[in-house]
C-alpha atoms as a PDB file:
ATOM      1  CA  MET A   1     -10.754 -24.075 -19.714  1.00  0.00           C
ATOM      2  CA  MET A   2     -11.719 -23.912 -16.037  1.00  0.00           C
ATOM      3  CA  GLY A   3      -9.707 -26.251 -13.638  1.00  0.00           C
ATOM      4  CA  VAL A   4     -10.658 -28.650 -10.827  1.00  0.00           C
ATOM      5  CA  LYS A   5     -13.379 -27.758  -8.489  1.00  0.00           C
ATOM      6  CA  LYS A   6     -12.612 -26.953  -5.083  1.00  0.00           C
ATOM      7  CA  ALA A   7     -14.468 -24.765  -2.509  1.00  0.00           C
ATOM      8  CA  THR A   8     -12.668 -21.724  -1.345  1.00  0.00           C
ATOM      9  CA  ARG A   9     -12.847 -22.534   1.999  1.00  0.00           C
ATOM     10  CA  GLU A  10     -10.423 -25.218   1.350  1.00  0.00           C
ATOM     11  CA  GLY A  11      -8.023 -22.702  -0.006  1.00  0.00           C
ATOM     12  CA  PHE A  12      -8.479 -20.669   3.154  1.00  0.00           C
ATOM     13  CA  GLY A  13      -7.858 -23.602   5.441  1.00  0.00           C
ATOM     14  CA  GLU A  14      -4.628 -24.623   3.807  1.00  0.00           C
ATOM     15  CA  GLU A  15      -3.188 -20.887   3.679  1.00  0.00           C
ATOM     16  CA  ILE A  16      -4.081 -20.063   7.181  1.00  0.00           C
ATOM     17  CA  LEU A  17      -1.996 -23.138   8.358  1.00  0.00           C
ATOM     18  CA  ALA A  18       0.992 -22.283   6.030  1.00  0.00           C
ATOM     19  CA  LEU A  19       0.667 -18.521   7.464  1.00  0.00           C
ATOM     20  CA  GLY A  20       0.446 -19.945  11.120  1.00  0.00           C
ATOM     21  CA  ARG A  21       3.555 -22.101  10.602  1.00  0.00           C
ATOM     22  CA  LYS A  22       5.708 -19.015   9.409  1.00  0.00           C
ATOM     23  CA  ASN A  23       4.202 -16.455  11.769  1.00  0.00           C
ATOM     24  CA  LYS A  24       3.431 -17.353  15.414  1.00  0.00           C
ATOM     25  CA  ASP A  25       1.422 -14.116  15.771  1.00  0.00           C
ATOM     26  CA  ILE A  26      -1.253 -15.611  13.576  1.00  0.00           C
ATOM     27  CA  TYR A  27      -4.076 -16.935  15.589  1.00  0.00           C
ATOM     28  CA  VAL A  28      -7.302 -18.787  14.810  1.00  0.00           C
ATOM     29  CA  VAL A  29     -10.418 -18.022  16.905  1.00  0.00           C
ATOM     30  CA  ASP A  30     -13.042 -20.698  16.100  1.00  0.00           C
ATOM     31  CA  VAL A  31     -16.596 -20.970  17.300  1.00  0.00           C
ATOM     32  CA  ASP A  32     -16.863 -24.708  17.247  1.00  0.00           C
ATOM     33  CA  ILE A  33     -17.187 -25.348  13.560  1.00  0.00           C
ATOM     34  CA  ALA A  34     -13.656 -25.948  12.664  1.00  0.00           C
ATOM     35  CA  LYS A  35     -14.250 -28.839  10.570  1.00  0.00           C
ATOM     36  CA  SER A  36     -16.760 -27.018   8.350  1.00  0.00           C
ATOM     37  CA  CYS A  37     -14.373 -23.853   8.023  1.00  0.00           C
ATOM     38  CA  LYS A  38     -11.393 -26.054   7.374  1.00  0.00           C
ATOM     39  CA  THR A  39      -9.288 -24.927  10.304  1.00  0.00           C
ATOM     40  CA  THR A  40      -9.059 -28.394  12.089  1.00  0.00           C
ATOM     41  CA  PRO A  41      -5.551 -28.863  10.738  1.00  0.00           C
ATOM     42  CA  PHE A  42      -4.557 -25.669  12.127  1.00  0.00           C
ATOM     43  CA  SER A  43      -5.889 -26.441  15.613  1.00  0.00           C
ATOM     44  CA  LYS A  44      -4.041 -29.935  15.750  1.00  0.00           C
ATOM     45  CA  GLU A  45      -0.882 -28.711  14.427  1.00  0.00           C
ATOM     46  CA  LEU A  46      -0.666 -25.166  16.193  1.00  0.00           C
ATOM     47  CA  PRO A  47      -2.795 -25.526  19.158  1.00  0.00           C
ATOM     48  CA  GLN A  48      -0.876 -22.753  20.948  1.00  0.00           C
ATOM     49  CA  GLN A  49      -2.068 -20.272  18.361  1.00  0.00           C
ATOM     50  CA  HIS A  50      -5.736 -21.641  18.418  1.00  0.00           C
ATOM     51  CA  VAL A  51      -8.561 -20.649  20.640  1.00  0.00           C
ATOM     52  CA  ASN A  52     -12.022 -22.242  20.585  1.00  0.00           C
ATOM     53  CA  VAL A  53     -14.667 -20.153  22.292  1.00  0.00           C
ATOM     54  CA  GLY A  54     -17.610 -22.425  21.498  1.00  0.00           C
ATOM     55  CA  ILE A  55     -20.748 -21.371  19.860  1.00  0.00           C
ATOM     56  CA  ALA A  56     -20.338 -17.748  20.838  1.00  0.00           C
ATOM     57  CA  GLU A  57     -19.610 -15.633  17.912  1.00  0.00           C
ATOM     58  CA  GLN A  58     -19.730 -12.272  19.710  1.00  0.00           C
ATOM     59  CA  ASN A  59     -17.421 -13.431  22.238  1.00  0.00           C
ATOM     60  CA  ALA A  60     -15.180 -14.656  19.555  1.00  0.00           C
ATOM     61  CA  ALA A  61     -15.145 -10.827  18.213  1.00  0.00           C
ATOM     62  CA  GLY A  62     -14.102  -9.640  21.588  1.00  0.00           C
ATOM     63  CA  VAL A  63     -11.403 -12.281  22.067  1.00  0.00           C
ATOM     64  CA  ALA A  64      -9.964 -11.453  18.711  1.00  0.00           C
ATOM     65  CA  ALA A  65     -10.135  -7.718  19.616  1.00  0.00           C
ATOM     66  CA  GLY A  66      -8.089  -8.408  22.565  1.00  0.00           C
ATOM     67  CA  LEU A  67      -5.717 -10.664  20.923  1.00  0.00           C
ATOM     68  CA  ALA A  68      -5.124  -7.706  18.215  1.00  0.00           C
ATOM     69  CA  THR A  69      -4.161  -5.284  21.116  1.00  0.00           C
ATOM     70  CA  THR A  70      -1.204  -7.433  22.087  1.00  0.00           C
ATOM     71  CA  GLY A  71       0.124  -7.442  18.546  1.00  0.00           C
ATOM     72  CA  LYS A  72      -1.289 -10.703  17.422  1.00  0.00           C
ATOM     73  CA  ILE A  73      -3.147 -11.288  14.043  1.00  0.00           C
ATOM     74  CA  PRO A  74      -6.306 -13.131  14.871  1.00  0.00           C
ATOM     75  CA  PHE A  75      -8.757 -14.678  12.303  1.00  0.00           C
ATOM     76  CA  VAL A  76     -12.284 -15.384  13.621  1.00  0.00           C
ATOM     77  CA  VAL A  77     -13.613 -18.131  11.701  1.00  0.00           C
ATOM     78  CA  THR A  78     -17.050 -18.995  11.374  1.00  0.00           C
ATOM     79  CA  TYR A  79     -20.123 -19.192   8.932  1.00  0.00           C
ATOM     80  CA  ALA A  80     -20.963 -15.776   6.883  1.00  0.00           C
ATOM     81  CA  VAL A  81     -24.311 -15.373   8.306  1.00  0.00           C
ATOM     82  CA  PHE A  82     -22.896 -15.427  11.980  1.00  0.00           C
ATOM     83  CA  GLY A  83     -19.622 -13.713  11.275  1.00  0.00           C
ATOM     84  CA  SER A  84     -21.378 -10.750   9.916  1.00  0.00           C
ATOM     85  CA  LEU A  85     -24.894 -10.362  11.267  1.00  0.00           C
ATOM     86  CA  ARG A  86     -24.610 -12.009  14.874  1.00  0.00           C
ATOM     87  CA  MET A  87     -21.374 -10.381  15.330  1.00  0.00           C
ATOM     88  CA  CYS A  88     -22.223  -7.026  13.774  1.00  0.00           C
ATOM     89  CA  GLU A  89     -22.217  -4.751  16.690  1.00  0.00           C
ATOM     90  CA  MET A  90     -19.227  -6.202  18.164  1.00  0.00           C
ATOM     91  CA  ILE A  91     -17.459  -5.698  14.719  1.00  0.00           C
ATOM     92  CA  ARG A  92     -18.535  -2.252  14.819  1.00  0.00           C
ATOM     93  CA  GLN A  93     -17.641  -1.185  18.470  1.00  0.00           C
ATOM     94  CA  GLU A  94     -14.778  -3.557  19.206  1.00  0.00           C
ATOM     95  CA  ILE A  95     -12.943  -4.107  16.016  1.00  0.00           C
ATOM     96  CA  CYS A  96     -13.575  -1.365  13.451  1.00  0.00           C
ATOM     97  CA  TYR A  97     -14.057   1.830  15.687  1.00  0.00           C
ATOM     98  CA  PRO A  98     -10.594   1.137  17.318  1.00  0.00           C
ATOM     99  CA  ASN A  99      -9.322  -0.052  13.900  1.00  0.00           C
ATOM    100  CA  LEU A 100      -7.815  -3.231  15.186  1.00  0.00           C
ATOM    101  CA  ASN A 101      -5.901  -5.858  13.216  1.00  0.00           C
ATOM    102  CA  VAL A 102      -8.758  -8.541  13.196  1.00  0.00           C
ATOM    103  CA  LYS A 103      -9.653 -10.591  10.354  1.00  0.00           C
ATOM    104  CA  ILE A 104     -13.109 -12.250   9.868  1.00  0.00           C
ATOM    105  CA  ALA A 105     -12.850 -15.250   7.721  1.00  0.00           C
ATOM    106  CA  CYS A 106     -16.359 -16.838   6.804  1.00  0.00           C
ATOM    107  CA  SER A 107     -17.321 -19.974   5.047  1.00  0.00           C
ATOM    108  CA  HIS A 108     -20.900 -20.469   3.649  1.00  0.00           C
ATOM    109  CA  GLY A 109     -21.219 -17.202   1.901  1.00  0.00           C
ATOM    110  CA  GLY A 110     -24.129 -16.487  -0.407  1.00  0.00           C
ATOM    111  CA  VAL A 111     -26.305 -19.374  -1.322  1.00  0.00           C
ATOM    112  CA  THR A 112     -23.874 -22.073  -1.422  1.00  0.00           C
ATOM    113  CA  PRO A 113     -24.991 -23.655   1.780  1.00  0.00           C
ATOM    114  CA  ALA A 114     -27.733 -24.847  -0.346  1.00  0.00           C
ATOM    115  CA  ASN A 115     -29.638 -27.375   1.492  1.00  0.00           C
ATOM    116  CA  ASP A 116     -28.914 -25.841   4.815  1.00  0.00           C
ATOM    117  CA  GLY A 117     -31.674 -23.382   3.901  1.00  0.00           C
ATOM    118  CA  ALA A 118     -32.361 -19.625   4.318  1.00  0.00           C
ATOM    119  CA  SER A 119     -30.908 -19.357   7.954  1.00  0.00           C
ATOM    120  CA  HIS A 120     -27.558 -20.241   6.861  1.00  0.00           C
ATOM    121  CA  GLN A 121     -27.366 -18.637   3.328  1.00  0.00           C
ATOM    122  CA  SER A 122     -25.814 -15.286   3.888  1.00  0.00           C
ATOM    123  CA  ILE A 123     -27.034 -12.958   1.293  1.00  0.00           C
ATOM    124  CA  GLU A 124     -26.667  -9.505   3.286  1.00  0.00           C
ATOM    125  CA  ASP A 125     -23.098  -9.893   4.747  1.00  0.00           C
ATOM    126  CA  MET A 126     -20.998  -7.955   2.438  1.00  0.00           C
ATOM    127  CA  GLY A 127     -23.481  -5.071   2.045  1.00  0.00           C
ATOM    128  CA  VAL A 128     -23.800  -4.743   5.899  1.00  0.00           C
ATOM    129  CA  LEU A 129     -20.083  -4.912   6.692  1.00  0.00           C
ATOM    130  CA  ARG A 130     -18.962  -2.408   3.680  1.00  0.00           C
ATOM    131  CA  THR A 131     -20.991   0.239   5.425  1.00  0.00           C
ATOM    132  CA  ILE A 132     -18.822   0.142   8.467  1.00  0.00           C
ATOM    133  CA  PRO A 133     -15.822   2.436   8.529  1.00  0.00           C
ATOM    134  CA  ASN A 134     -12.293   0.852   8.404  1.00  0.00           C
ATOM    135  CA  MET A 135     -13.622  -2.483   7.207  1.00  0.00           C
ATOM    136  CA  THR A 136     -12.256  -4.214   3.998  1.00  0.00           C
ATOM    137  CA  VAL A 137     -14.547  -6.707   2.307  1.00  0.00           C
ATOM    138  CA  ILE A 138     -13.306  -9.539   0.129  1.00  0.00           C
ATOM    139  CA  MET A 139     -14.586 -12.341  -1.916  1.00  0.00           C
ATOM    140  CA  PRO A 140     -12.187 -14.611  -3.753  1.00  0.00           C
ATOM    141  CA  ALA A 141     -13.297 -16.275  -7.066  1.00  0.00           C
ATOM    142  CA  ASP A 142     -11.671 -19.663  -6.548  1.00  0.00           C
ATOM    143  CA  TYR A 143      -9.445 -21.957  -4.615  1.00  0.00           C
ATOM    144  CA  TYR A 144      -6.253 -20.207  -5.717  1.00  0.00           C
ATOM    145  CA  ALA A 145      -7.588 -16.674  -5.171  1.00  0.00           C
ATOM    146  CA  ALA A 146      -8.709 -17.643  -1.603  1.00  0.00           C
ATOM    147  CA  LYS A 147      -5.038 -18.582  -0.815  1.00  0.00           C
ATOM    148  CA  GLN A 148      -3.597 -15.328  -2.273  1.00  0.00           C
ATOM    149  CA  LEU A 149      -6.178 -13.118  -0.698  1.00  0.00           C
ATOM    150  CA  THR A 150      -5.933 -14.739   2.731  1.00  0.00           C
ATOM    151  CA  ALA A 151      -2.250 -14.092   2.614  1.00  0.00           C
ATOM    152  CA  ALA A 152      -2.772 -10.452   1.410  1.00  0.00           C
ATOM    153  CA  ALA A 153      -5.131 -10.030   4.324  1.00  0.00           C
ATOM    154  CA  ALA A 154      -2.830 -11.298   6.803  1.00  0.00           C
ATOM    155  CA  ALA A 155       0.048  -9.061   5.647  1.00  0.00           C
ATOM    156  CA  SER A 156      -2.286  -5.837   5.612  1.00  0.00           C
ATOM    157  CA  TYR A 157      -3.252  -3.840   8.815  1.00  0.00           C
ATOM    158  CA  GLY A 158      -6.784  -3.480  10.002  1.00  0.00           C
ATOM    159  CA  PRO A 159     -10.120  -5.196   9.830  1.00  0.00           C
ATOM    160  CA  VAL A 160     -10.962  -7.460   6.899  1.00  0.00           C
ATOM    161  CA  TYR A 161     -13.981  -9.602   6.058  1.00  0.00           C
ATOM    162  CA  LEU A 162     -13.215 -12.706   3.865  1.00  0.00           C
ATOM    163  CA  ARG A 163     -16.098 -14.528   2.424  1.00  0.00           C
ATOM    164  CA  PHE A 164     -15.724 -18.187   1.154  1.00  0.00           C
ATOM    165  CA  THR A 165     -17.858 -20.679  -0.499  1.00  0.00           C
ATOM    166  CA  ARG A 166     -19.222 -23.908   1.061  1.00  0.00           C
ATOM    167  CA  ASP A 167     -19.752 -25.718  -2.343  1.00  0.00           C
ATOM    168  CA  ALA A 168     -17.003 -26.576  -4.686  1.00  0.00           C
ATOM    169  CA  ILE A 169     -16.451 -24.262  -7.676  1.00  0.00           C
ATOM    170  CA  PRO A 170     -14.190 -24.510 -10.741  1.00  0.00           C
ATOM    171  CA  ALA A 171     -10.630 -23.009 -10.475  1.00  0.00           C
ATOM    172  CA  ILE A 172     -10.288 -20.041 -12.868  1.00  0.00           C
ATOM    173  CA  TYR A 173      -6.792 -19.082 -11.906  1.00  0.00           C
ATOM    174  CA  ASP A 174      -3.408 -20.920 -11.323  1.00  0.00           C
ATOM    175  CA  GLU A 175      -1.403 -21.163  -8.526  1.00  0.00           C
ATOM    176  CA  GLY A 176       0.867 -18.134  -9.630  1.00  0.00           C
ATOM    177  CA  VAL A 177      -2.057 -15.829  -9.704  1.00  0.00           C
ATOM    178  CA  GLU A 178      -1.121 -12.207  -8.358  1.00  0.00           C
ATOM    179  CA  LEU A 179      -4.137 -10.333  -6.809  1.00  0.00           C
ATOM    180  CA  GLU A 180      -3.971  -7.062  -4.855  1.00  0.00           C
ATOM    181  CA  ILE A 181      -6.589  -6.010  -2.240  1.00  0.00           C
ATOM    182  CA  GLY A 182      -8.574  -3.021  -3.652  1.00  0.00           C
ATOM    183  CA  LYS A 183      -7.579  -3.736  -7.244  1.00  0.00           C
ATOM    184  CA  ALA A 184      -9.814  -5.342  -9.815  1.00  0.00           C
ATOM    185  CA  HIS A 185      -8.196  -8.154 -11.822  1.00  0.00           C
ATOM    186  CA  LEU A 186      -8.805  -7.983 -15.518  1.00  0.00           C
ATOM    187  CA  ILE A 187      -9.553 -11.673 -16.814  1.00  0.00           C
ATOM    188  CA  ARG A 188     -10.284 -10.686 -20.505  1.00  0.00           C
ATOM    189  CA  ASP A 189     -10.616  -7.445 -22.275  1.00  0.00           C
ATOM    190  CA  GLY A 190     -13.587  -6.155 -24.480  1.00  0.00           C
ATOM    191  CA  LYS A 191     -15.288  -3.212 -26.016  1.00  0.00           C
ATOM    192  CA  ASP A 192     -18.879  -3.790 -26.118  1.00  0.00           C
ATOM    193  CA  VAL A 193     -19.912  -4.473 -22.375  1.00  0.00           C
ATOM    194  CA  ALA A 194     -18.108  -4.931 -19.096  1.00  0.00           C
ATOM    195  CA  LEU A 195     -18.896  -7.976 -16.893  1.00  0.00           C
ATOM    196  CA  ILE A 196     -18.106  -7.295 -13.246  1.00  0.00           C
ATOM    197  CA  ALA A 197     -18.463 -10.079 -10.888  1.00  0.00           C
ATOM    198  CA  ASN A 198     -17.071 -11.523  -7.911  1.00  0.00           C
ATOM    199  CA  GLY A 199     -16.654 -14.836  -5.858  1.00  0.00           C
ATOM    200  CA  ASP A 200     -18.451 -17.853  -7.144  1.00  0.00           C
ATOM    201  CA  THR A 201     -20.101 -16.005 -10.035  1.00  0.00           C
ATOM    202  CA  VAL A 202     -16.890 -14.961 -11.765  1.00  0.00           C
ATOM    203  CA  ARG A 203     -16.769 -18.198 -13.484  1.00  0.00           C
ATOM    204  CA  LEU A 204     -20.300 -17.424 -14.939  1.00  0.00           C
ATOM    205  CA  ALA A 205     -19.192 -14.216 -16.379  1.00  0.00           C
ATOM    206  CA  ILE A 206     -16.288 -15.895 -18.076  1.00  0.00           C
ATOM    207  CA  GLU A 207     -18.480 -18.386 -19.653  1.00  0.00           C
ATOM    208  CA  ALA A 208     -21.061 -15.686 -20.626  1.00  0.00           C
ATOM    209  CA  ALA A 209     -18.288 -13.681 -22.226  1.00  0.00           C
ATOM    210  CA  GLU A 210     -17.281 -16.698 -24.314  1.00  0.00           C
ATOM    211  CA  GLU A 211     -21.053 -17.029 -25.452  1.00  0.00           C
ATOM    212  CA  LEU A 212     -21.215 -13.296 -26.190  1.00  0.00           C
ATOM    213  CA  ARG A 213     -18.067 -13.704 -28.338  1.00  0.00           C
ATOM    214  CA  LYS A 214     -19.912 -16.340 -30.585  1.00  0.00           C
ATOM    215  CA  LEU A 215     -22.678 -13.666 -31.043  1.00  0.00           C
ATOM    216  CA  GLY A 216     -20.196 -11.001 -32.112  1.00  0.00           C
ATOM    217  CA  ILE A 217     -20.353  -9.126 -28.692  1.00  0.00           C
ATOM    218  CA  SER A 218     -17.064  -8.298 -27.137  1.00  0.00           C
ATOM    219  CA  ALA A 219     -17.207  -8.590 -23.314  1.00  0.00           C
ATOM    220  CA  LYS A 220     -14.621  -7.165 -20.776  1.00  0.00           C
ATOM    221  CA  VAL A 221     -14.547  -9.341 -17.543  1.00  0.00           C
ATOM    222  CA  LEU A 222     -13.310  -7.954 -14.190  1.00  0.00           C
ATOM    223  CA  ASP A 223     -13.055 -10.038 -10.984  1.00  0.00           C
ATOM    224  CA  MET A 224     -13.940  -7.378  -8.387  1.00  0.00           C
ATOM    225  CA  HIS A 225     -12.857  -9.478  -5.443  1.00  0.00           C
ATOM    226  CA  THR A 226     -12.791  -6.468  -3.124  1.00  0.00           C
ATOM    227  CA  ILE A 227     -15.973  -4.838  -2.711  1.00  0.00           C
ATOM    228  CA  LYS A 228     -14.561  -2.328  -0.229  1.00  0.00           C
ATOM    229  CA  PRO A 229     -12.407  -0.482  -1.002  1.00  0.00           C
ATOM    230  CA  LEU A 230     -13.820  -0.702  -4.386  1.00  0.00           C
ATOM    231  CA  ASP A 231     -11.634  -0.230  -7.480  1.00  0.00           C
ATOM    232  CA  VAL A 232     -13.260   2.966  -8.431  1.00  0.00           C
ATOM    233  CA  ASP A 233     -10.787   3.577 -11.233  1.00  0.00           C
ATOM    234  CA  ALA A 234     -11.557   0.312 -12.882  1.00  0.00           C
ATOM    235  CA  VAL A 235     -15.330   1.083 -12.767  1.00  0.00           C
ATOM    236  CA  LYS A 236     -14.808   4.574 -14.088  1.00  0.00           C
ATOM    237  CA  GLU A 237     -12.855   3.100 -16.963  1.00  0.00           C
ATOM    238  CA  CYS A 238     -15.500   0.575 -17.912  1.00  0.00           C
ATOM    239  CA  ILE A 239     -18.183   3.543 -17.865  1.00  0.00           C
ATOM    240  CA  GLU A 240     -16.054   6.133 -19.864  1.00  0.00           C
ATOM    241  CA  LYS A 241     -14.623   3.617 -22.536  1.00  0.00           C
ATOM    242  CA  ILE A 242     -17.566   1.093 -22.691  1.00  0.00           C
ATOM    243  CA  GLY A 243     -20.743   2.612 -21.120  1.00  0.00           C
ATOM    244  CA  LYS A 244     -22.475  -0.531 -20.300  1.00  0.00           C
ATOM    245  CA  VAL A 245     -21.916  -2.797 -17.384  1.00  0.00           C
ATOM    246  CA  VAL A 246     -23.477  -5.838 -15.954  1.00  0.00           C
ATOM    247  CA  THR A 247     -22.679  -6.845 -12.433  1.00  0.00           C
ATOM    248  CA  VAL A 248     -22.930 -10.438 -11.346  1.00  0.00           C
ATOM    249  CA  GLU A 249     -22.765 -11.532  -7.659  1.00  0.00           C
ATOM    250  CA  ASP A 250     -24.074 -14.323  -5.228  1.00  0.00           C
ATOM    251  CA  HIS A 251     -25.294 -11.605  -2.878  1.00  0.00           C
ATOM    252  CA  ASN A 252     -28.413  -9.357  -2.585  1.00  0.00           C
ATOM    253  CA  ILE A 253     -28.618  -6.891  -5.280  1.00  0.00           C
ATOM    254  CA  ILE A 254     -29.116  -4.265  -2.626  1.00  0.00           C
ATOM    255  CA  ASN A 255     -26.080  -2.926  -1.156  1.00  0.00           C
ATOM    256  CA  GLY A 256     -23.687  -5.441  -2.743  1.00  0.00           C
ATOM    257  CA  LEU A 257     -21.304  -5.277  -5.622  1.00  0.00           C
ATOM    258  CA  GLY A 258     -24.096  -4.100  -8.140  1.00  0.00           C
ATOM    259  CA  SER A 259     -24.869  -1.190  -5.798  1.00  0.00           C
ATOM    260  CA  ALA A 260     -21.451  -0.256  -5.166  1.00  0.00           C
ATOM    261  CA  VAL A 261     -20.809  -0.072  -9.117  1.00  0.00           C
ATOM    262  CA  CYS A 262     -24.150   1.926  -9.386  1.00  0.00           C
ATOM    263  CA  GLU A 263     -22.921   4.509  -6.944  1.00  0.00           C
ATOM    264  CA  VAL A 264     -19.877   5.253  -9.132  1.00  0.00           C
ATOM    265  CA  ALA A 265     -22.056   5.560 -12.142  1.00  0.00           C
ATOM    266  CA  ALA A 266     -24.535   7.605 -10.378  1.00  0.00           C
ATOM    267  CA  GLU A 267     -21.739  10.049  -9.188  1.00  0.00           C
ATOM    268  CA  MET A 268     -20.379  10.194 -12.707  1.00  0.00           C
ATOM    269  CA  GLY A 269     -23.945  10.878 -14.147  1.00  0.00           C
ATOM    270  CA  LYS A 270     -23.483   8.446 -17.170  1.00  0.00           C
ATOM    271  CA  GLY A 271     -23.370   4.861 -17.935  1.00  0.00           C
ATOM    272  CA  ILE A 272     -25.888   1.886 -17.824  1.00  0.00           C
ATOM    273  CA  VAL A 273     -25.544  -0.440 -15.202  1.00  0.00           C
ATOM    274  CA  LYS A 274     -27.609  -3.819 -14.827  1.00  0.00           C
ATOM    275  CA  ARG A 275     -27.467  -5.852 -11.524  1.00  0.00           C
ATOM    276  CA  ILE A 276     -27.644  -9.651 -11.527  1.00  0.00           C
ATOM    277  CA  GLY A 277     -27.669 -11.303  -8.024  1.00  0.00           C
ATOM    278  CA  ILE A 278     -30.185 -12.435  -5.352  1.00  0.00           C
ATOM    279  CA  GLN A 279     -33.324 -10.730  -6.081  1.00  0.00           C
ATOM    280  CA  ASP A 280     -34.080  -9.270  -2.403  1.00  0.00           C
ATOM    281  CA  ARG A 281     -35.290 -12.447  -1.278  1.00  0.00           C
ATOM    282  CA  PHE A 282     -34.472 -15.200   1.333  1.00  0.00           C
ATOM    283  CA  GLY A 283     -33.091 -18.477   0.081  1.00  0.00           C
ATOM    284  CA  GLU A 284     -34.591 -21.953   0.760  1.00  0.00           C
ATOM    285  CA  SER A 285     -33.284 -25.537   1.003  1.00  0.00           C
ATOM    286  CA  ALA A 286     -32.485 -26.447  -2.553  1.00  0.00           C
ATOM    287  CA  PRO A 287     -29.338 -27.437  -4.692  1.00  0.00           C
ATOM    288  CA  TYR A 288     -26.970 -24.517  -5.133  1.00  0.00           C
ATOM    289  CA  ASP A 289     -27.241 -24.284  -8.981  1.00  0.00           C
ATOM    290  CA  ARG A 290     -31.015 -24.168  -8.647  1.00  0.00           C
ATOM    291  CA  LEU A 291     -30.894 -21.374  -6.193  1.00  0.00           C
ATOM    292  CA  LEU A 292     -28.640 -19.416  -8.530  1.00  0.00           C
ATOM    293  CA  ALA A 293     -30.964 -20.080 -11.373  1.00  0.00           C
ATOM    294  CA  LYS A 294     -33.968 -19.068  -9.373  1.00  0.00           C
ATOM    295  CA  ASN A 295     -32.491 -15.545  -9.059  1.00  0.00           C
ATOM    296  CA  GLY A 296     -31.208 -15.379 -12.636  1.00  0.00           C
ATOM    297  CA  ILE A 297     -27.671 -15.847 -11.721  1.00  0.00           C
ATOM    298  CA  THR A 298     -26.903 -17.984 -14.775  1.00  0.00           C
ATOM    299  CA  VAL A 299     -24.721 -17.650 -17.980  1.00  0.00           C
ATOM    300  CA  GLU A 300     -28.040 -17.648 -20.143  1.00  0.00           C
ATOM    301  CA  ASN A 301     -29.387 -14.817 -18.194  1.00  0.00           C
ATOM    302  CA  ILE A 302     -26.109 -12.738 -18.453  1.00  0.00           C
ATOM    303  CA  VAL A 303     -26.083 -13.222 -22.101  1.00  0.00           C
ATOM    304  CA  ALA A 304     -29.847 -12.148 -22.344  1.00  0.00           C
ATOM    305  CA  THR A 305     -29.305  -8.988 -20.066  1.00  0.00           C
ATOM    306  CA  VAL A 306     -26.291  -7.868 -22.403  1.00  0.00           C
ATOM    307  CA  GLN A 307     -28.363  -8.303 -25.387  1.00  0.00           C
ATOM    308  CA  ARG A 308     -31.166  -6.179 -24.008  1.00  0.00           C
ATOM    309  CA  LEU A 309     -28.884  -3.368 -23.108  1.00  0.00           C
END
């Protein structure tokens, strides 16, 4: 049974405030969209740890890099499309190349911006950033995972990209969930097929596994919340023991989770991998669920894809 619906950006907003209260080195660098990214409470309660650079994402990256050189732990907070693409050169040159302790926390990942349209729907971000050395790339599956992984990112050293949803999604974990960066989380075991998902699509993989069970098909479900470093051992185990894998993501199927899993399978020279995700096309202004469905990111398509394997 899935729990109450909350956007993962809400989990981030609550956790970053809790972290900032405990650690005065935690800073938020906003780009004038604190309300949307849920950092308004942080700015009001901890103004001495908050910097608003205005609508200037590239400057935000530079400010955060500077703060990191003084021992601070800055979180640049913006929308995913801007925090990955507009800031990309600065992330590469000013944050990742010197391997600074900067976190980039972005709401509105994937097609959850929905009616905001293609300009605000970030379908390329995780793929772009996972190609940059020293960068860690994470997308939590629900509100509780967002809190847990935000805390884990703050506690680890180095550049981290955290991607959150704008829209509310069902909770699949409880408050006590323990997640480790770079380690896939096993949700249910199975022997016939492995469903590897991340972010807002993990809930769909869980529902699909239940439908497959009714059809006599045993599906393993993994929450691959960390795209980089990918849990290669978990992928290898799926390919060695099961041989059939379906990846599910709210991201372009090119260079996202599906591509990362395919890279492992290709190097092993075995296994079948099918990718479900954004079909290398831009989004549009439409309800979130309709945008997912248009790209085949549905329980029904996951089940049908497994049946065709």
